[in-house]
Amino acid sequence: MTRRIALLDIQRSEVDFGGDFAGSRELQFAASDLRLRGHDVVLMRQIVGVLGQHWDEGARQRLRARLDGFGAVVLKVHVDADFIAGLRADGVHAVFLAGALIDPPVGTYDAVVQASARWPLVDALEAWAEDRRSDALALPPSPGADPFADEEHFAPATEFVDEDGTVRPYARFALVTNRGCPYAADPDDSPAFEGVDLQGPLRRLGCTFCEMGGDYRRLAVPDYLGFLRHQIRYYAERAPGAEVLLGDEAGADILGALLDRLVDGDVPPARILVKARADGLLARADRFRRSLTRARAAGHSVVLFLVGLENFSAAELLRFNKGITSADLDRCLELLGSLEAEFGDAFSLRRYTGHGFVLWTPWTTLEDLEQNLAGFDRHDLRTLSSKAPFSRLRLHPWAPLHRLAERDGLLDPEGRTGLRHHLGYATDEVPWRFADPAAALVYELLSAGIEAQGEATAFELLADAVVAVRELESLPPDAFALAAAFAARVPTRRLPSGAELTAAVRRLAAADKLEPYRFVRAEVAEDGPILRFRAGNRDLVLLLEGRRARALDSADAPFAAVLTDAIAQAASSATAMNTAIHSGSK
């Protein structure tokens, strides 16, 4: 039997819409660790949905063909028990890397190894290769003792074999960082929780809906910033142009000092993706500007990919225990907008649209929604948080907000209200109901509109729904009937037609200030349609939001603006032509 080993990095998409944001760090380390021990290892990427091949019989056959000649396969994402059973029946040894919340069906794999441990996977595969038994299960590492935090042995694989056999570098890498969150405000000190019993098993500190808070665990390394610099240098030298993701929840606290370390250490240019709290960014604005100035001169850039904006309502922010006011949030977004304008490609807040927002809660009122709609307009929120209009609170028994909802009688464990929560429920999530019937009605109207027209129209539909409910003299007894009528009568916010897109591309081709752009194809993703273009030797990916084209890369924003105008002109021309035709036929 051959002893070749396939490490299968399964991802949902090839771009960042509903897919994995980075490849598996554990598989990247496993590839280098196994090769160090002399094993024949291939790190493969497999797309199973969204933009790539869907997981159907054809996809199964293609993947099975890729795995011919391998004696063992390692996965971190479970897709299909029957597929794994077929591999095992053919004599392939199947191993699963289990995470804290990810376990495969019992008995599906030959071995299950803790993903957070690192070396037990190597031990388990060597035991298989030597035809001996292995019990290489390991407990998660103790706080601060991350086995991947080893500068001397930091050599993860940076390339994978794609489905077409091409060897490619990963587009981004997740750095080994401190874990947990340093924010530790106690909701028991907040007037929003006065009289609420917060004793017992709760994840109490910090934001009242989050599983982290007050649990910041530092890596057991002598120089944390030096270790981060070492990792960024490693990736910048081996995968130039790739992004490095700094997942440390204290990103705002350390970012300035880290940038200075990169510049002082002559680290090759890198694009760094950072998580940050709004209050931390405000408090360190001057320091960050100075460090960013130096970093830009050295070729580095910073992308804030996850800032917890959450809500523009002061009442909701107080319940969330965010430690900021709505005025603070406005000031923070104004600051970051000015930095984008000042630093151009060296700083971005809008490269990715996944910033945190929680619009709907059991306590949401019509006034809260109006305040948020105003905030959406002030800060063009669709370019920051694409799912904000229908983002809702996920309520778990360990969250302080669960206790508050329980006290206020807003839990709905039987789901009697029948609310259509678009994102579904997690295993331990508790359904809830609205205290304000007007807000509940807006949610129903929005839900019906999204079901009829799609999520890409949600910002406009929310505004329409709020206006519709405001105009009612009294709330109707049958919300579902009104929701159906709303969905039928709101202006159709349809996507551009094929004829409109064709006309738009022709207009672009005639534009004398743009380089030649060639339309490649259109694809469908969870966040909306995607248009792919080719310009010279580079690819452009644009997301369509209704009739608006948004560029993923800020350098392509001018092209996106021209395309948006062209689509609008094409649509206007089509409307005028239809009007003329119908007028002439009367």
Protein backbone atom coordinates (compact mmCIF):
# COMPACT_ATOMS: atom_id res chain seq x y z
CA MET A 1 0.00 0.00 0.00
CA THR A 2 1.25 3.45 -0.91
CA ARG A 3 2.03 5.79 1.97
CA ARG A 4 1.31 9.08 0.20
CA ILE A 5 -0.72 11.48 2.33
CA ALA A 6 -3.29 14.00 1.06
CA LEU A 7 -4.14 16.97 3.26
CA LEU A 8 -7.50 18.17 1.97
CA ASP A 9 -8.21 21.86 2.60
CA ILE A 10 -11.94 22.06 1.90
CA GLN A 11 -13.30 25.58 1.35
CA ARG A 12 -16.71 26.86 0.40
CA SER A 13 -15.58 29.38 -2.19
CA GLU A 14 -12.64 30.74 -4.10
CA VAL A 15 -13.37 34.34 -3.10
CA ASP A 16 -14.56 35.86 0.13
CA PHE A 17 -18.34 35.73 -0.20
CA GLY A 18 -19.65 33.25 2.32
CA GLY A 19 -16.48 31.20 2.04
CA ASP A 20 -13.47 30.55 4.21
CA PHE A 21 -11.42 33.67 4.81
CA ALA A 22 -8.13 31.81 4.97
CA GLY A 23 -6.91 28.29 4.41
CA SER A 24 -6.47 25.93 7.33
CA ARG A 25 -3.51 26.93 9.50
CA GLU A 26 -3.48 23.44 11.02
CA LEU A 27 -3.18 21.76 7.63
CA GLN A 28 -0.48 24.21 6.55
CA PHE A 29 1.58 23.31 9.61
CA ALA A 30 0.83 19.60 9.19
CA ALA A 31 2.17 19.70 5.63
CA SER A 32 5.52 21.13 6.73
CA ASP A 33 5.76 18.94 9.84
CA LEU A 34 5.11 15.75 7.87
CA ARG A 35 7.56 16.73 5.15
CA LEU A 36 10.14 17.41 7.85
CA ARG A 37 9.69 13.78 8.93
CA GLY A 38 10.24 12.61 5.34
CA HIS A 39 6.65 11.87 4.31
CA ASP A 40 5.26 12.34 0.78
CA VAL A 41 2.56 14.94 1.37
CA VAL A 42 0.30 16.93 -0.96
CA LEU A 43 -1.73 19.85 0.39
CA MET A 44 -4.84 20.14 -1.79
CA ARG A 45 -7.63 22.70 -1.95
CA GLN A 46 -11.15 21.58 -2.81
CA ILE A 47 -14.07 23.97 -3.44
CA VAL A 48 -17.40 22.45 -2.44
CA GLY A 49 -19.92 25.23 -2.93
CA VAL A 50 -20.98 28.84 -3.42
CA LEU A 51 -18.75 29.88 -6.35
CA GLY A 52 -16.89 26.68 -7.17
CA GLN A 53 -18.09 23.17 -7.91
CA HIS A 54 -21.20 22.28 -5.95
CA TRP A 55 -21.00 19.11 -3.91
CA ASP A 56 -22.81 16.69 -6.19
CA GLU A 57 -22.03 13.34 -7.74
CA GLY A 58 -19.78 14.92 -10.32
CA ALA A 59 -17.80 16.71 -7.61
CA ARG A 60 -17.47 13.45 -5.65
CA GLN A 61 -16.08 11.66 -8.67
CA ARG A 62 -13.60 14.41 -9.45
CA LEU A 63 -12.34 14.48 -5.87
CA ARG A 64 -12.10 10.70 -5.76
CA ALA A 65 -9.98 10.81 -8.91
CA ARG A 66 -7.70 13.41 -7.28
CA LEU A 67 -7.16 11.07 -4.35
CA ASP A 68 -6.14 8.06 -6.43
CA GLY A 69 -2.75 6.81 -5.29
CA PHE A 70 -2.99 8.24 -1.77
CA GLY A 71 -2.95 5.94 1.22
CA ALA A 72 -4.29 8.47 3.73
CA VAL A 73 -6.40 11.62 3.62
CA VAL A 74 -6.74 14.27 6.34
CA LEU A 75 -9.69 16.67 6.52
CA LYS A 76 -10.72 19.46 8.85
CA VAL A 77 -14.17 20.05 7.29
CA HIS A 78 -16.69 17.21 7.13
CA VAL A 79 -18.78 17.19 3.94
CA ASP A 80 -20.08 13.72 3.13
CA ALA A 81 -20.07 10.57 5.31
CA ASP A 82 -20.81 8.32 2.31
CA PHE A 83 -17.81 9.71 0.45
CA ILE A 84 -15.52 8.98 3.40
CA ALA A 85 -17.01 5.49 3.70
CA GLY A 86 -16.18 4.88 0.05
CA LEU A 87 -12.58 5.98 0.57
CA ARG A 88 -12.20 3.69 3.55
CA ALA A 89 -13.72 0.79 1.63
CA ASP A 90 -10.98 1.30 -0.96
CA GLY A 91 -8.33 1.08 1.75
CA VAL A 92 -7.69 4.81 2.25
CA HIS A 93 -6.96 5.78 5.86
CA ALA A 94 -9.23 8.75 6.76
CA VAL A 95 -8.28 11.15 9.58
CA PHE A 96 -10.30 14.12 10.85
CA LEU A 97 -8.91 17.19 12.63
CA ALA A 98 -11.52 18.09 15.24
CA GLY A 99 -11.95 21.61 16.58
CA ALA A 100 -13.66 22.89 19.69
CA LEU A 101 -17.08 23.05 17.99
CA ILE A 102 -16.50 20.73 15.02
CA ASP A 103 -16.89 16.99 15.40
CA PRO A 104 -17.71 14.52 12.62
CA PRO A 105 -20.39 11.82 12.94
CA VAL A 106 -19.20 9.06 15.25
CA GLY A 107 -17.47 6.20 13.44
CA THR A 108 -17.04 8.04 10.14
CA TYR A 109 -13.22 8.31 10.26
CA ASP A 110 -10.42 5.91 11.12
CA ALA A 111 -9.02 8.44 13.57
CA VAL A 112 -10.02 11.80 15.05
CA VAL A 113 -7.22 14.09 16.23
CA GLN A 114 -7.42 17.42 18.03
CA ALA A 115 -6.69 20.19 15.52
CA SER A 116 -5.39 22.53 18.22
CA ALA A 117 -2.54 20.22 19.24
CA ARG A 118 -0.23 20.07 16.14
CA TRP A 119 2.13 17.09 16.65
CA PRO A 120 -0.43 14.33 17.47
CA LEU A 121 -1.56 14.34 13.83
CA VAL A 122 2.01 13.59 12.74
CA ASP A 123 2.24 10.83 15.37
CA ALA A 124 -1.07 9.31 14.24
CA LEU A 125 -0.05 9.24 10.57
CA GLU A 126 3.37 7.81 11.35
CA ALA A 127 1.73 5.06 13.40
CA TRP A 128 -0.51 4.28 10.40
CA ALA A 129 2.49 4.29 8.02
CA GLU A 130 4.30 1.84 10.31
CA ASP A 131 1.22 -0.39 10.69
CA ARG A 132 0.99 0.15 14.42
CA ARG A 133 -1.81 1.42 16.59
CA SER A 134 -1.94 5.05 17.69
CA ASP A 135 -4.02 6.76 20.36
CA ALA A 136 -2.70 10.16 19.35
CA LEU A 137 -5.51 12.23 20.77
CA ALA A 138 -4.45 15.33 22.64
CA LEU A 139 -6.14 17.74 24.96
CA PRO A 140 -6.39 21.36 23.81
CA PRO A 141 -3.32 23.38 24.77
CA SER A 142 -3.30 25.14 28.11
CA PRO A 143 -3.87 28.92 28.03
CA GLY A 144 -0.89 30.69 26.57
CA ALA A 145 0.84 27.48 25.48
CA ASP A 146 -0.19 27.41 21.82
CA PRO A 147 1.87 24.67 20.11
CA PHE A 148 1.95 26.74 16.91
CA ALA A 149 3.70 29.61 18.74
CA ASP A 150 7.16 28.25 18.06
CA GLU A 151 9.36 30.66 16.15
CA GLU A 152 12.13 28.11 15.69
CA HIS A 153 9.77 25.65 13.98
CA PHE A 154 7.51 28.18 12.26
CA ALA A 155 7.47 26.90 8.67
CA PRO A 156 3.84 26.34 7.51
CA ALA A 157 3.21 25.49 3.88
CA THR A 158 2.26 28.52 1.79
CA GLU A 159 1.13 26.74 -1.40
CA PHE A 160 -1.54 24.20 -2.29
CA VAL A 161 -2.46 22.12 -5.32
CA ASP A 162 -5.70 23.38 -6.85
CA GLU A 163 -8.40 21.30 -8.50
CA ASP A 164 -6.86 21.81 -11.94
CA GLY A 165 -3.47 20.57 -10.72
CA THR A 166 -1.94 24.05 -10.54
CA VAL A 167 0.26 24.89 -7.57
CA ARG A 168 -0.92 28.20 -6.11
CA PRO A 169 -0.05 30.33 -3.07
CA TYR A 170 -2.77 30.99 -0.53
CA ALA A 171 -4.36 34.42 -0.84
CA ARG A 172 -4.06 35.04 2.90
CA PHE A 173 -2.72 33.49 6.09
CA ALA A 174 -3.93 33.56 9.67
CA LEU A 175 -1.21 34.59 12.12
CA VAL A 176 -0.68 32.80 15.43
CA THR A 177 -1.84 35.37 17.98
CA ASN A 178 -3.04 35.92 21.52
CA ARG A 179 -6.53 34.56 22.05
CA GLY A 180 -9.63 35.74 23.82
CA CYS A 181 -10.67 39.36 24.36
CA PRO A 182 -9.20 41.93 26.76
CA TYR A 183 -12.44 43.94 27.01
CA ALA A 184 -13.89 43.09 30.40
CA ALA A 185 -16.59 45.61 31.34
CA ASP A 186 -19.10 43.99 33.73
CA PRO A 187 -22.75 44.40 32.64
CA ASP A 188 -23.68 44.26 36.32
CA ASP A 189 -22.39 47.85 36.47
CA SER A 190 -24.66 48.97 33.62
CA PRO A 191 -28.08 50.58 34.20
CA ALA A 192 -29.42 48.39 31.38
CA PHE A 193 -29.00 45.34 33.64
CA GLU A 194 -30.24 46.81 36.89
CA GLY A 195 -32.18 44.16 38.76
CA VAL A 196 -31.08 41.32 36.42
CA ASP A 197 -29.61 38.24 38.08
CA LEU A 198 -26.19 37.66 36.49
CA GLN A 199 -25.00 34.98 38.89
CA GLY A 200 -24.21 31.45 37.82
CA PRO A 201 -22.69 30.02 34.61
CA LEU A 202 -22.43 32.99 32.26
CA ARG A 203 -19.81 34.38 29.92
CA ARG A 204 -20.37 37.56 31.76
CA LEU A 205 -17.67 40.11 31.00
CA GLY A 206 -17.44 42.24 27.86
CA CYS A 207 -20.10 42.49 25.16
CA THR A 208 -23.28 40.84 26.41
CA PHE A 209 -23.87 38.71 23.29
CA CYS A 210 -20.28 37.50 22.79
CA GLU A 211 -18.64 34.33 24.06
CA MET A 212 -15.39 36.21 24.70
CA GLY A 213 -14.54 38.96 27.15
CA GLY A 214 -12.08 39.25 30.00
CA ASP A 215 -10.45 36.00 28.85
CA TYR A 216 -7.42 37.38 27.02
CA ARG A 217 -4.70 34.72 26.89
CA ARG A 218 -1.20 35.77 25.94
CA LEU A 219 1.12 33.49 24.02
CA ALA A 220 4.03 32.07 25.98
CA VAL A 221 6.63 33.80 23.83
CA PRO A 222 9.34 36.17 25.11
CA ASP A 223 8.57 38.88 22.55
CA TYR A 224 5.02 38.84 21.16
CA LEU A 225 5.48 41.68 18.66
CA GLY A 226 8.74 40.11 17.54
CA PHE A 227 6.95 36.81 16.94
CA LEU A 228 4.26 38.57 14.88
CA ARG A 229 6.97 40.31 12.87
CA HIS A 230 8.70 36.94 12.29
CA GLN A 231 5.45 35.44 10.94
CA ILE A 232 4.69 38.39 8.67
CA ARG A 233 8.23 38.32 7.26
CA TYR A 234 7.91 34.57 6.61
CA TYR A 235 4.74 35.01 4.56
CA ALA A 236 5.86 38.23 2.83
CA GLU A 237 9.00 36.49 1.58
CA ARG A 238 7.32 33.25 0.45
CA ALA A 239 3.96 34.51 -0.80
CA PRO A 240 4.42 38.14 -1.89
CA GLY A 241 1.09 39.92 -2.21
CA ALA A 242 -0.78 37.60 0.13
CA GLU A 243 -2.68 39.09 3.05
CA VAL A 244 -1.87 38.25 6.67
CA LEU A 245 -4.72 38.18 9.14
CA LEU A 246 -4.08 39.51 12.64
CA GLY A 247 -6.95 37.98 14.60
CA ASP A 248 -5.90 39.42 17.97
CA GLU A 249 -8.92 41.09 19.60
CA ALA A 250 -6.51 43.72 20.95
CA GLY A 251 -5.62 44.74 17.41
CA ALA A 252 -6.16 48.47 18.01
CA ASP A 253 -3.86 48.34 21.05
CA ILE A 254 -0.88 46.78 19.30
CA LEU A 255 -1.25 47.90 15.67
CA GLY A 256 0.88 51.06 15.86
CA ALA A 257 3.74 49.32 17.63
CA LEU A 258 3.57 46.36 15.24
CA LEU A 259 3.79 48.61 12.18
CA ASP A 260 6.85 50.29 13.67
CA ARG A 261 8.44 46.87 14.22
CA LEU A 262 7.84 45.93 10.58
CA VAL A 263 9.41 49.14 9.32
CA ASP A 264 12.37 49.01 11.70
CA GLY A 265 12.97 45.35 10.84
CA ASP A 266 12.93 45.92 7.05
CA VAL A 267 10.12 43.41 6.58
CA PRO A 268 9.04 43.14 2.91
CA PRO A 269 5.74 44.88 2.05
CA ALA A 270 2.70 43.17 3.52
CA ARG A 271 -1.03 43.80 3.65
CA ILE A 272 -2.25 43.24 7.21
CA LEU A 273 -5.88 42.47 8.01
CA VAL A 274 -6.79 43.65 11.52
CA LYS A 275 -9.62 43.22 14.01
CA ALA A 276 -10.19 46.28 16.19
CA ARG A 277 -12.62 47.82 18.66
CA ALA A 278 -13.98 51.25 17.81
CA ASP A 279 -13.03 52.73 21.20
CA GLY A 280 -9.45 51.49 20.84
CA LEU A 281 -9.13 53.08 17.41
CA LEU A 282 -10.42 56.42 18.70
CA ALA A 283 -8.08 56.38 21.69
CA ARG A 284 -4.99 55.70 19.54
CA ALA A 285 -5.82 57.70 16.42
CA ASP A 286 -2.73 59.97 16.49
CA ARG A 287 -0.33 57.11 17.17
CA PHE A 288 -1.89 55.01 14.44
CA ARG A 289 -1.64 57.86 11.90
CA ARG A 290 2.08 58.32 12.63
CA SER A 291 2.82 54.60 12.35
CA LEU A 292 0.72 54.26 9.22
CA THR A 293 2.67 57.09 7.60
CA ARG A 294 5.92 55.19 8.14
CA ALA A 295 4.38 51.89 7.07
CA ARG A 296 3.05 53.33 3.81
CA ALA A 297 6.52 54.62 2.94
CA ALA A 298 7.85 51.07 3.45
CA GLY A 299 5.16 49.54 1.22
CA HIS A 300 2.90 48.11 3.95
CA SER A 301 -0.87 48.51 4.07
CA VAL A 302 -3.58 47.93 6.69
CA VAL A 303 -7.13 46.68 6.19
CA LEU A 304 -9.59 46.82 9.07
CA PHE A 305 -11.62 43.75 8.20
CA LEU A 306 -13.68 43.43 11.39
CA VAL A 307 -14.78 46.32 13.58
CA GLY A 308 -17.74 45.76 15.91
CA LEU A 309 -20.03 48.60 14.83
CA GLU A 310 -23.12 46.76 16.12
CA ASN A 311 -25.77 49.51 16.21
CA PHE A 312 -26.39 53.26 15.98
CA SER A 313 -29.03 53.22 18.74
CA ALA A 314 -27.78 54.41 22.13
CA ALA A 315 -30.25 52.12 23.93
CA GLU A 316 -29.10 49.02 22.04
CA LEU A 317 -25.40 49.85 22.54
CA LEU A 318 -26.04 50.16 26.27
CA ARG A 319 -27.68 46.73 26.34
CA PHE A 320 -24.76 45.33 24.32
CA ASN A 321 -22.36 46.72 26.98
CA LYS A 322 -20.12 47.93 24.15
CA GLY A 323 -18.48 50.70 26.15
CA ILE A 324 -19.14 53.25 23.38
CA THR A 325 -21.96 55.63 22.52
CA SER A 326 -23.57 56.21 19.15
CA ALA A 327 -21.69 59.53 19.01
CA ASP A 328 -18.41 57.63 19.56
CA LEU A 329 -19.31 55.33 16.70
CA ASP A 330 -19.95 58.28 14.40
CA ARG A 331 -16.62 59.85 15.38
CA CYS A 332 -14.78 56.57 14.81
CA LEU A 333 -16.25 56.07 11.33
CA GLU A 334 -15.53 59.69 10.41
CA LEU A 335 -11.93 59.20 11.58
CA LEU A 336 -11.50 56.01 9.57
CA GLY A 337 -13.08 57.61 6.52
CA SER A 338 -10.58 60.46 6.72
CA LEU A 339 -7.72 57.94 6.99
CA GLU A 340 -8.97 56.15 3.87
CA ALA A 341 -8.96 59.45 2.00
CA GLU A 342 -5.54 60.43 3.34
CA PHE A 343 -3.68 57.13 2.88
CA GLY A 344 -5.35 55.66 -0.21
CA ASP A 345 -4.26 52.08 -0.88
CA ALA A 346 -2.28 51.95 2.37
CA PHE A 347 -5.41 51.89 4.52
CA SER A 348 -8.91 50.53 3.98
CA LEU A 349 -12.03 50.00 6.04
CA ARG A 350 -14.19 48.92 3.10
CA ARG A 351 -12.17 46.22 1.36
CA TYR A 352 -14.38 43.62 3.06
CA THR A 353 -18.00 44.13 4.07
CA GLY A 354 -18.19 41.89 7.12
CA HIS A 355 -17.99 44.45 9.93
CA GLY A 356 -20.08 43.48 12.93
CA PHE A 357 -23.65 44.69 13.15
CA VAL A 358 -26.65 43.50 15.19
CA LEU A 359 -29.75 45.40 14.08
CA TRP A 360 -32.58 43.25 15.37
CA THR A 361 -33.01 42.36 19.05
CA PRO A 362 -36.03 41.59 21.26
CA TRP A 363 -35.99 45.25 22.37
CA THR A 364 -35.72 46.92 18.93
CA THR A 365 -38.20 49.76 18.43
CA LEU A 366 -39.31 51.69 15.39
CA GLU A 367 -37.25 54.64 16.67
CA ASP A 368 -34.15 52.40 16.88
CA LEU A 369 -34.67 51.37 13.26
CA GLU A 370 -35.00 54.99 12.13
CA GLN A 371 -31.82 55.92 13.98
CA ASN A 372 -30.02 53.05 12.28
CA LEU A 373 -31.35 53.95 8.84
CA ALA A 374 -29.96 57.45 9.34
CA GLY A 375 -26.61 55.89 10.35
CA PHE A 376 -26.69 53.66 7.28
CA ASP A 377 -27.02 56.76 5.10
CA ARG A 378 -24.38 58.78 6.96
CA HIS A 379 -21.72 56.12 6.61
CA ASP A 380 -22.77 54.17 3.49
CA LEU A 381 -23.11 51.04 5.59
CA ARG A 382 -23.71 48.71 2.67
CA THR A 383 -19.98 49.11 1.94
CA LEU A 384 -19.16 48.15 5.55
CA SER A 385 -21.67 45.52 6.65
CA SER A 386 -23.60 43.98 3.77
CA LYS A 387 -25.92 41.93 5.99
CA ALA A 388 -26.75 44.72 8.48
CA PRO A 389 -30.43 45.19 7.48
CA PHE A 390 -31.34 41.64 8.48
CA SER A 391 -28.66 40.91 11.07
CA ARG A 392 -30.30 39.72 14.26
CA LEU A 393 -29.24 38.88 17.77
CA ARG A 394 -28.25 35.28 18.32
CA LEU A 395 -29.30 34.56 21.87
CA HIS A 396 -27.47 31.81 23.78
CA PRO A 397 -28.08 30.62 27.37
CA TRP A 398 -24.55 31.66 28.38
CA ALA A 399 -25.07 35.30 27.36
CA PRO A 400 -26.09 38.06 29.82
CA LEU A 401 -28.62 39.26 27.23
CA HIS A 402 -30.39 35.91 27.63
CA ARG A 403 -31.00 36.76 31.29
CA LEU A 404 -32.31 40.20 30.32
CA ALA A 405 -34.69 38.72 27.73
CA GLU A 406 -35.80 36.12 30.25
CA ARG A 407 -36.59 38.83 32.82
CA ASP A 408 -38.52 40.85 30.24
CA GLY A 409 -40.53 37.84 29.09
CA LEU A 410 -39.13 37.95 25.55
CA LEU A 411 -37.91 34.37 25.15
CA ASP A 412 -39.88 32.25 22.69
CA PRO A 413 -38.47 28.72 23.09
CA GLU A 414 -41.37 27.12 21.25
CA GLY A 415 -41.11 29.52 18.32
CA ARG A 416 -44.77 30.50 18.66
CA THR A 417 -44.32 33.89 17.03
CA GLY A 418 -43.18 32.24 13.80
CA LEU A 419 -40.61 34.91 13.02
CA ARG A 420 -38.63 34.15 9.89
CA HIS A 421 -35.08 34.47 11.19
CA HIS A 422 -33.13 34.35 7.94
CA LEU A 423 -29.89 32.97 9.25
CA GLY A 424 -31.45 30.05 11.11
CA TYR A 425 -30.68 28.84 14.60
CA ALA A 426 -27.51 27.35 16.00
CA THR A 427 -27.77 24.24 18.16
CA ASP A 428 -27.92 26.06 21.51
CA GLU A 429 -29.57 29.25 20.26
CA VAL A 430 -32.83 30.34 21.94
CA PRO A 431 -35.62 31.86 19.83
CA TRP A 432 -36.99 35.19 21.02
CA ARG A 433 -39.87 37.55 20.28
CA PHE A 434 -40.16 41.32 19.85
CA ALA A 435 -41.44 43.53 22.67
CA ASP A 436 -42.51 46.19 20.14
CA PRO A 437 -45.23 44.96 17.74
CA ALA A 438 -44.37 47.74 15.26
CA ALA A 439 -40.76 46.52 15.03
CA ALA A 440 -42.03 42.94 14.67
CA LEU A 441 -44.20 44.05 11.76
CA VAL A 442 -41.26 45.80 10.06
CA TYR A 443 -39.27 42.60 10.42
CA GLU A 444 -42.08 40.63 8.79
CA LEU A 445 -42.32 43.09 5.90
CA LEU A 446 -38.57 43.01 5.41
CA SER A 447 -38.59 39.20 5.51
CA ALA A 448 -41.30 39.01 2.86
CA GLY A 449 -39.49 41.53 0.68
CA ILE A 450 -36.19 39.64 0.92
CA GLU A 451 -37.91 36.38 0.07
CA ALA A 452 -39.41 38.02 -3.01
CA GLN A 453 -36.46 40.09 -4.21
CA GLY A 454 -33.32 38.71 -2.53
CA GLU A 455 -30.87 39.91 0.11
CA ALA A 456 -29.11 42.34 -2.23
CA THR A 457 -32.13 44.67 -1.94
CA ALA A 458 -32.33 44.56 1.88
CA PHE A 459 -31.18 48.13 2.58
CA GLU A 460 -33.89 49.62 0.36
CA LEU A 461 -36.51 47.15 1.57
CA LEU A 462 -35.84 48.01 5.21
CA ALA A 463 -36.37 51.71 4.56
CA ASP A 464 -39.58 50.95 2.63
CA ALA A 465 -40.86 48.73 5.45
CA VAL A 466 -40.25 51.33 8.16
CA VAL A 467 -42.10 53.96 6.14
CA ALA A 468 -44.98 51.53 5.49
CA VAL A 469 -45.44 50.79 9.18
CA ARG A 470 -45.14 54.47 10.16
CA GLU A 471 -47.98 55.29 7.78
CA LEU A 472 -50.37 52.78 9.36
CA GLU A 473 -53.05 54.27 11.61
CA SER A 474 -53.16 51.00 13.58
CA LEU A 475 -51.32 47.69 13.45
CA PRO A 476 -53.22 44.97 11.58
CA PRO A 477 -54.13 41.69 13.30
CA ASP A 478 -52.72 39.63 10.40
CA ALA A 479 -49.05 40.60 9.95
CA PHE A 480 -48.40 37.81 7.45
CA ALA A 481 -51.13 39.00 5.08
CA LEU A 482 -49.77 42.54 5.18
CA ALA A 483 -46.25 41.20 4.59
CA ALA A 484 -47.38 39.40 1.46
CA ALA A 485 -49.09 42.54 0.19
CA PHE A 486 -45.96 44.60 0.95
CA ALA A 487 -43.74 42.22 -1.00
CA ALA A 488 -46.12 42.42 -3.94
CA ARG A 489 -46.33 46.22 -4.08
CA VAL A 490 -42.86 47.53 -3.15
CA PRO A 491 -40.84 48.75 -6.13
CA THR A 492 -39.05 45.85 -7.76
CA ARG A 493 -35.36 46.22 -7.04
CA ARG A 494 -34.36 43.76 -9.67
CA LEU A 495 -30.87 43.08 -10.92
CA PRO A 496 -29.62 44.41 -14.25
CA SER A 497 -30.73 42.37 -17.23
CA GLY A 498 -28.34 40.72 -19.63
CA ALA A 499 -29.14 43.38 -22.22
CA GLU A 500 -28.37 46.16 -19.73
CA LEU A 501 -25.04 44.57 -18.79
CA THR A 502 -24.15 44.14 -22.45
CA ALA A 503 -24.92 47.78 -23.12
CA ALA A 504 -22.92 48.80 -20.04
CA VAL A 505 -19.86 46.86 -21.18
CA ARG A 506 -20.13 48.47 -24.62
CA ARG A 507 -20.17 51.89 -22.97
CA LEU A 508 -17.06 50.93 -21.01
CA ALA A 509 -15.30 49.81 -24.16
CA ALA A 510 -15.98 53.23 -25.67
CA ALA A 511 -14.62 55.12 -22.64
CA ASP A 512 -11.30 56.64 -23.62
CA LYS A 513 -9.95 57.13 -20.08
CA LEU A 514 -10.03 53.48 -19.08
CA GLU A 515 -7.73 50.67 -20.09
CA PRO A 516 -9.38 47.89 -22.14
CA TYR A 517 -11.60 45.72 -19.96
CA ARG A 518 -12.84 42.32 -21.06
CA PHE A 519 -15.92 40.81 -19.44
CA VAL A 520 -15.14 37.21 -18.41
CA ARG A 521 -18.21 35.83 -16.68
CA ALA A 522 -20.93 36.39 -14.09
CA GLU A 523 -21.38 34.18 -11.03
CA VAL A 524 -23.85 33.94 -8.19
CA ALA A 525 -22.74 34.19 -4.54
CA GLU A 526 -24.49 34.53 -1.20
CA ASP A 527 -23.91 38.29 -1.13
CA GLY A 528 -25.16 38.83 -4.67
CA PRO A 529 -24.00 38.47 -8.29
CA ILE A 530 -20.32 38.75 -9.09
CA LEU A 531 -18.90 40.10 -12.34
CA ARG A 532 -15.42 39.06 -13.40
CA PHE A 533 -13.36 41.21 -15.78
CA ARG A 534 -9.87 41.06 -17.20
CA ALA A 535 -7.74 44.17 -17.67
CA GLY A 536 -4.29 43.62 -19.12
CA ASN A 537 -2.67 40.93 -16.96
CA ARG A 538 -4.89 41.29 -13.92
CA ASP A 539 -8.32 40.12 -12.84
CA LEU A 540 -11.06 42.32 -11.41
CA VAL A 541 -13.94 41.07 -9.29
CA LEU A 542 -16.97 43.31 -8.78
CA LEU A 543 -19.96 42.63 -6.54
CA LEU A 544 -23.32 43.82 -7.85
CA GLU A 545 -25.57 45.39 -5.20
CA GLY A 546 -28.76 46.08 -7.09
CA ARG A 547 -27.58 48.41 -9.87
CA ARG A 548 -24.43 49.40 -8.03
CA ALA A 549 -21.09 47.74 -8.74
CA ARG A 550 -18.65 47.56 -5.84
CA ALA A 551 -14.95 46.80 -6.28
CA LEU A 552 -13.17 44.44 -3.89
CA ASP A 553 -9.91 46.28 -4.42
CA SER A 554 -9.95 50.03 -3.84
CA ALA A 555 -7.71 50.45 -6.90
CA ASP A 556 -10.65 49.28 -9.03
CA ALA A 557 -13.15 51.72 -7.50
CA PRO A 558 -13.02 54.11 -10.51
CA PHE A 559 -13.86 51.22 -12.82
CA ALA A 560 -16.74 50.18 -10.53
CA ALA A 561 -18.09 53.75 -10.55
CA VAL A 562 -18.04 53.92 -14.35
CA LEU A 563 -19.72 50.52 -14.61
CA THR A 564 -22.42 51.66 -12.15
CA ASP A 565 -23.09 54.74 -14.28
CA ALA A 566 -23.15 52.62 -17.44
CA ILE A 567 -25.67 50.20 -15.93
CA ALA A 568 -27.88 53.12 -14.87
CA GLN A 569 -27.69 54.68 -18.34
CA ALA A 570 -28.44 51.36 -20.00
CA ALA A 571 -31.43 50.84 -17.71
CA SER A 572 -32.70 54.37 -18.44
CA SER A 573 -32.33 53.80 -22.17
CA ALA A 574 -34.21 50.51 -21.92
CA THR A 575 -37.00 52.16 -19.91
CA ALA A 576 -37.28 55.02 -22.42
CA MET A 577 -37.42 52.56 -25.31
CA ASN A 578 -40.14 50.48 -23.64
CA THR A 579 -42.16 53.62 -22.96
CA ALA A 580 -41.88 54.68 -26.59
CA ILE A 581 -42.90 51.24 -27.84
CA HIS A 582 -45.95 51.08 -25.57
CA SER A 583 -46.94 54.67 -26.43
CA GLY A 584 -46.72 53.93 -30.12
CA SER A 585 -48.87 50.83 -29.82
CA LYS A 586 -51.84 52.69 -28.33
